[in-house]
Amino acid sequence: MMDASEFRTGKGHRDENFPVASWLIAPRHRALILAFYNFVRSADDIADHPSLSAQEKVAWLDRMEADLVGGGDGNAAAVALRAALAKRNMSPQHAQDLLKAFRLDATKLRYSDWDDLMGYCAYSAMPVGRFVLDVHGESRSTWPTSDAICAALQVINHIQDCAADYRNLDRVYIPLDALAAHGLVVTALGAPKASPELRACLAGLAQRTDGLLRQGDALPSLVQDWRLALEISVIQALAQRLTRILMQRDPLSERVHLGKGAVAGFSLMAVFKGLTRRAGHHAPSVTQP
């Protein structure tokens, strides 16, 4: 019996747009977060595999879920996450929610409007932030702000990869009503260069994504773990930069990802600003005589 890892593309946590269990996260939490990442990456690579049929993808995802909850031992990533969760007495629900998104990836190729896309993000992105917050023992009152940030990160990825998703998988996350508002249909995503109308459509989605990031502005000040707060600050800084790029550049023909140097620079600035903001936020007040 094949393991789900046979479908891995080779992409790892260091290749993602945003940090995953970076050095900012307390060492005691990194192994669990990376186990979660490896499970999710294996499932994601199945959902995106060009040679598997939709039925085969769903069958593999079902097997991964069965192994995650104790129904088998066929998939190493699922077994490893199951063991890591058990050590912390944590539920597999967030990982199971993500599997729902990957099943959608296998079977749903179009999204009608922004609300339809946000419904997808509720399974594809929001569980990631909720999981990390739960790992750190943070209050679930932080979930709404985290949800907004995670949805924004997902839409950033969708805009960046809109051409490849369409060409390679016939999958379109760009809402159909947004395309129609600019007189477009999905075939516009197959052009070598975006038309002015498509540029305007994608820039508008990037602007709306920036609004999601603003909804999540308060999250670093809401979490108790200062190292997690800094990680979130870095993610926010990178996401804000990417949304600005996507408002200005053509993802069909121009580079819309950050290079390693830019990531390092924005990350260091975000850490400094985060430390300064957190020190001010937690500084004791001085009572005037």
Protein backbone atom coordinates (compact mmCIF):
# COMPACT_ATOMS: atom_id res chain seq x y z
CA MET A 1 0.00 0.00 0.00
CA MET A 2 1.37 3.39 -0.99
CA ASP A 3 1.82 6.12 1.60
CA ALA A 4 0.39 9.58 0.93
CA SER A 5 3.95 10.89 1.02
CA GLU A 6 4.45 9.33 -2.42
CA PHE A 7 2.53 12.30 -3.81
CA ARG A 8 4.62 14.97 -2.10
CA THR A 9 6.07 17.60 -4.42
CA GLY A 10 9.13 18.21 -2.28
CA LYS A 11 7.83 21.56 -1.04
CA GLY A 12 8.62 22.09 2.64
CA HIS A 13 7.80 24.57 5.36
CA ARG A 14 10.73 26.79 4.41
CA ASP A 15 9.28 27.21 0.91
CA GLU A 16 6.00 28.76 2.02
CA ASN A 17 5.01 32.40 1.56
CA PHE A 18 4.83 32.85 5.32
CA PRO A 19 6.85 31.45 8.24
CA VAL A 20 5.89 28.08 9.69
CA ALA A 21 7.17 27.34 13.21
CA SER A 22 10.09 29.73 12.75
CA TRP A 23 12.74 30.38 15.38
CA LEU A 24 10.36 32.90 16.92
CA ILE A 25 8.06 30.11 18.11
CA ALA A 26 8.98 28.52 21.44
CA PRO A 27 10.88 25.25 20.83
CA ARG A 28 8.37 23.22 22.85
CA HIS A 29 5.68 24.02 20.27
CA ARG A 30 7.62 23.59 17.01
CA ALA A 31 7.49 19.79 16.70
CA LEU A 32 3.70 19.71 16.98
CA ILE A 33 3.25 22.57 14.52
CA LEU A 34 5.60 20.91 12.05
CA ALA A 35 3.77 17.58 12.42
CA PHE A 36 0.56 19.46 11.60
CA TYR A 37 2.26 21.14 8.64
CA ASN A 38 3.58 17.86 7.24
CA PHE A 39 0.13 16.29 7.43
CA VAL A 40 -1.47 19.29 5.74
CA ARG A 41 1.23 19.50 3.07
CA SER A 42 0.77 15.81 2.22
CA ALA A 43 -2.99 16.30 1.90
CA ASP A 44 -2.57 19.50 -0.13
CA ASP A 45 -0.21 17.78 -2.56
CA ILE A 46 -2.76 15.02 -3.07
CA ALA A 47 -5.50 17.57 -3.78
CA ASP A 48 -3.25 19.33 -6.31
CA HIS A 49 -1.83 16.22 -7.96
CA PRO A 50 -2.32 16.52 -11.74
CA SER A 51 -2.50 12.78 -12.41
CA LEU A 52 -5.08 11.74 -9.82
CA SER A 53 -8.78 11.83 -10.57
CA ALA A 54 -11.15 13.66 -8.24
CA GLN A 55 -12.39 10.32 -6.91
CA GLU A 56 -8.86 9.10 -6.24
CA LYS A 57 -7.97 12.31 -4.44
CA VAL A 58 -11.01 12.07 -2.17
CA ALA A 59 -10.25 8.41 -1.46
CA TRP A 60 -6.69 9.26 -0.42
CA LEU A 61 -7.88 12.12 1.77
CA ASP A 62 -10.40 9.79 3.41
CA ARG A 63 -7.59 7.34 4.19
CA MET A 64 -5.52 10.12 5.72
CA GLU A 65 -8.41 11.12 7.94
CA ALA A 66 -8.98 7.53 9.02
CA ASP A 67 -5.33 7.22 10.02
CA LEU A 68 -5.46 10.58 11.78
CA VAL A 69 -8.30 9.50 14.05
CA GLY A 70 -6.92 6.03 14.72
CA GLY A 71 -8.50 3.91 12.02
CA GLY A 72 -5.23 2.80 10.48
CA ASP A 73 -1.48 3.28 10.19
CA GLY A 74 -0.99 3.55 6.46
CA ASN A 75 0.05 7.21 6.24
CA ALA A 76 3.10 8.24 8.21
CA ALA A 77 2.21 11.95 8.37
CA ALA A 78 -1.23 11.16 9.77
CA VAL A 79 0.15 8.73 12.34
CA ALA A 80 2.83 11.24 13.41
CA LEU A 81 0.26 14.01 13.87
CA ARG A 82 -2.08 11.68 15.74
CA ALA A 83 0.72 10.84 18.19
CA ALA A 84 1.78 14.47 18.58
CA LEU A 85 -1.79 15.57 19.29
CA ALA A 86 -2.27 12.77 21.81
CA LYS A 87 0.77 13.94 23.77
CA ARG A 88 -0.88 17.34 24.17
CA ASN A 89 -4.39 15.95 24.61
CA MET A 90 -5.55 17.95 21.58
CA SER A 91 -8.35 17.22 19.14
CA PRO A 92 -7.67 16.48 15.45
CA GLN A 93 -10.61 18.74 14.47
CA HIS A 94 -8.55 21.52 12.89
CA ALA A 95 -6.77 19.01 10.66
CA GLN A 96 -10.10 17.40 9.80
CA ASP A 97 -11.50 20.80 8.82
CA LEU A 98 -8.57 21.30 6.45
CA LEU A 99 -9.31 17.94 4.85
CA LYS A 100 -12.76 19.29 4.00
CA ALA A 101 -11.06 22.07 2.03
CA PHE A 102 -8.84 19.60 0.18
CA ARG A 103 -11.90 17.55 -0.77
CA LEU A 104 -13.37 20.76 -2.16
CA ASP A 105 -10.15 21.31 -4.12
CA ALA A 106 -10.69 17.91 -5.70
CA THR A 107 -14.33 18.46 -6.60
CA LYS A 108 -15.12 22.20 -6.80
CA LEU A 109 -13.42 24.20 -9.52
CA ARG A 110 -15.22 27.57 -9.41
CA TYR A 111 -16.34 30.11 -6.75
CA SER A 112 -19.30 32.34 -7.50
CA ASP A 113 -18.54 35.34 -5.28
CA TRP A 114 -16.54 36.62 -2.32
CA ASP A 115 -18.81 34.95 0.24
CA ASP A 116 -18.41 31.62 -1.56
CA LEU A 117 -14.63 32.06 -1.42
CA MET A 118 -14.73 32.98 2.28
CA GLY A 119 -16.75 29.81 2.88
CA TYR A 120 -13.85 27.89 1.37
CA CYS A 121 -11.33 29.82 3.46
CA ALA A 122 -13.26 28.82 6.59
CA TYR A 123 -11.92 25.31 5.96
CA SER A 124 -8.75 25.94 3.96
CA ALA A 125 -7.11 28.68 6.04
CA MET A 126 -8.84 29.60 9.28
CA PRO A 127 -8.21 26.22 10.98
CA VAL A 128 -4.47 26.80 10.64
CA GLY A 129 -4.50 29.94 12.77
CA ARG A 130 -6.92 28.40 15.24
CA PHE A 131 -4.67 25.37 15.61
CA VAL A 132 -1.58 27.48 16.32
CA LEU A 133 -3.52 29.54 18.87
CA ASP A 134 -4.75 26.37 20.57
CA VAL A 135 -1.22 24.96 20.67
CA HIS A 136 -0.20 28.07 22.60
CA GLY A 137 -3.19 27.88 24.93
CA GLU A 138 -4.57 31.20 23.71
CA SER A 139 -8.16 32.27 24.28
CA ARG A 140 -10.62 31.37 21.55
CA SER A 141 -11.76 35.00 21.67
CA THR A 142 -8.74 35.59 19.41
CA TRP A 143 -10.20 33.42 16.66
CA PRO A 144 -12.12 36.13 14.71
CA THR A 145 -9.03 38.30 14.23
CA SER A 146 -6.95 35.25 13.37
CA ASP A 147 -9.61 34.10 10.90
CA ALA A 148 -9.39 37.42 9.04
CA ILE A 149 -5.61 37.19 8.72
CA CYS A 150 -5.68 33.55 7.61
CA ALA A 151 -8.34 34.24 4.99
CA ALA A 152 -6.20 37.09 3.69
CA LEU A 153 -3.15 34.84 3.40
CA GLN A 154 -5.20 32.32 1.46
CA VAL A 155 -6.52 34.90 -1.00
CA ILE A 156 -3.00 36.26 -1.50
CA ASN A 157 -1.94 32.76 -2.55
CA HIS A 158 -4.96 32.48 -4.84
CA ILE A 159 -4.13 35.72 -6.64
CA GLN A 160 -0.43 34.89 -6.92
CA ASP A 161 -1.16 31.45 -8.38
CA CYS A 162 -4.31 32.26 -10.37
CA ALA A 163 -2.74 31.52 -13.74
CA ALA A 164 -1.08 28.25 -12.69
CA ASP A 165 -4.22 27.03 -10.92
CA TYR A 166 -6.25 27.61 -14.07
CA ARG A 167 -3.73 26.25 -16.56
CA ASN A 168 -2.66 23.19 -14.57
CA LEU A 169 -5.81 22.21 -12.67
CA ASP A 170 -8.67 24.16 -14.32
CA ARG A 171 -9.28 25.49 -10.82
CA VAL A 172 -10.35 29.13 -10.41
CA TYR A 173 -10.54 30.81 -7.02
CA ILE A 174 -11.03 34.27 -8.48
CA PRO A 175 -14.76 34.86 -7.87
CA LEU A 176 -16.78 34.62 -11.06
CA ASP A 177 -18.78 37.75 -10.25
CA ALA A 178 -15.54 39.74 -9.87
CA LEU A 179 -14.43 38.60 -13.31
CA ALA A 180 -17.86 39.34 -14.78
CA ALA A 181 -17.89 42.84 -13.31
CA HIS A 182 -14.88 43.58 -15.54
CA GLY A 183 -16.38 41.87 -18.58
CA LEU A 184 -14.24 38.76 -18.18
CA VAL A 185 -14.57 34.99 -18.06
CA VAL A 186 -12.14 32.46 -16.62
CA THR A 187 -10.24 32.03 -19.90
CA ALA A 188 -8.69 35.45 -19.25
CA LEU A 189 -6.47 33.70 -16.69
CA GLY A 190 -4.87 31.63 -19.45
CA ALA A 191 -3.38 34.63 -21.27
CA PRO A 192 0.39 35.16 -21.18
CA LYS A 193 -0.22 38.67 -19.84
CA ALA A 194 -3.17 40.09 -17.94
CA SER A 195 -5.41 42.53 -19.75
CA PRO A 196 -6.09 45.93 -18.14
CA GLU A 197 -9.49 44.58 -17.13
CA LEU A 198 -7.98 41.54 -15.41
CA ARG A 199 -5.35 43.71 -13.74
CA ALA A 200 -8.15 45.87 -12.33
CA CYS A 201 -10.08 42.81 -11.18
CA LEU A 202 -7.11 41.27 -9.35
CA ALA A 203 -6.05 44.61 -7.86
CA GLY A 204 -9.57 45.02 -6.49
CA LEU A 205 -9.37 41.61 -4.84
CA ALA A 206 -5.99 42.53 -3.38
CA GLN A 207 -7.53 45.72 -1.99
CA ARG A 208 -10.31 43.69 -0.41
CA THR A 209 -7.69 41.33 1.02
CA ASP A 210 -5.93 44.29 2.59
CA GLY A 211 -9.20 45.00 4.38
CA LEU A 212 -9.07 41.50 5.89
CA LEU A 213 -5.55 42.16 7.13
CA ARG A 214 -6.74 45.36 8.78
CA GLN A 215 -9.44 43.36 10.57
CA GLY A 216 -6.65 41.26 12.05
CA ASP A 217 -4.42 44.19 13.09
CA ALA A 218 -5.07 43.68 16.80
CA LEU A 219 -4.11 40.01 16.98
CA PRO A 220 -0.48 40.44 18.17
CA SER A 221 -1.69 42.51 21.13
CA LEU A 222 -4.42 40.00 21.96
CA VAL A 223 -2.26 36.89 22.31
CA GLN A 224 -0.45 36.25 25.56
CA ASP A 225 2.61 34.44 24.19
CA TRP A 226 5.05 37.15 23.16
CA ARG A 227 6.96 34.90 20.75
CA LEU A 228 3.76 33.99 18.93
CA ALA A 229 2.86 37.70 18.84
CA LEU A 230 6.13 38.41 17.02
CA GLU A 231 5.53 35.59 14.55
CA ILE A 232 2.12 37.05 13.78
CA SER A 233 3.65 40.50 13.34
CA VAL A 234 6.09 39.09 10.79
CA ILE A 235 3.27 37.34 8.91
CA GLN A 236 1.25 40.55 8.87
CA ALA A 237 4.18 42.58 7.53
CA LEU A 238 4.87 40.09 4.73
CA ALA A 239 1.19 39.88 3.83
CA GLN A 240 0.82 43.65 3.71
CA ARG A 241 3.79 43.90 1.38
CA LEU A 242 2.41 41.18 -0.89
CA THR A 243 -1.00 42.82 -1.13
CA ARG A 244 0.68 46.04 -2.25
CA ILE A 245 2.63 44.10 -4.87
CA LEU A 246 -0.55 42.45 -6.10
CA MET A 247 -2.23 45.84 -6.44
CA GLN A 248 0.58 46.96 -8.74
CA ARG A 249 1.87 43.93 -10.66
CA ASP A 250 0.52 41.36 -13.09
CA PRO A 251 0.62 37.85 -11.56
CA LEU A 252 0.34 36.32 -15.03
CA SER A 253 3.61 37.81 -16.28
CA GLU A 254 5.47 39.44 -13.36
CA ARG A 255 7.08 38.26 -10.16
CA VAL A 256 4.63 38.59 -7.28
CA HIS A 257 6.53 36.68 -4.60
CA LEU A 258 9.08 38.05 -2.14
CA GLY A 259 12.72 37.02 -2.45
CA LYS A 260 14.66 35.70 0.54
CA GLY A 261 16.36 39.04 1.10
CA ALA A 262 13.08 40.90 1.16
CA VAL A 263 11.54 38.33 3.49
CA ALA A 264 14.47 38.68 5.88
CA GLY A 265 14.34 42.46 5.80
CA PHE A 266 10.61 42.77 6.36
CA SER A 267 10.77 40.10 9.07
CA LEU A 268 13.48 41.89 11.04
CA MET A 269 11.60 45.19 10.83
CA ALA A 270 8.42 43.49 11.98
CA VAL A 271 10.18 41.86 14.94
CA PHE A 272 11.62 45.22 16.01
CA LYS A 273 8.28 46.98 15.68
CA GLY A 274 6.53 44.10 17.44
CA LEU A 275 8.92 44.18 20.38
CA THR A 276 8.57 47.95 20.66
CA ARG A 277 4.79 47.83 20.47
CA ARG A 278 4.54 44.98 22.96
CA ALA A 279 6.90 46.69 25.41
CA GLY A 280 4.77 49.82 25.25
CA HIS A 281 1.55 47.85 25.55
CA HIS A 282 2.70 46.01 28.67
CA ALA A 283 4.62 48.84 30.29
CA PRO A 284 3.29 49.75 33.75
CA SER A 285 1.40 52.99 33.92
CA VAL A 286 2.87 55.81 35.96
CA THR A 287 0.51 57.51 38.36
CA GLN A 288 1.08 61.22 38.67
CA PRO A 289 1.33 62.51 42.25
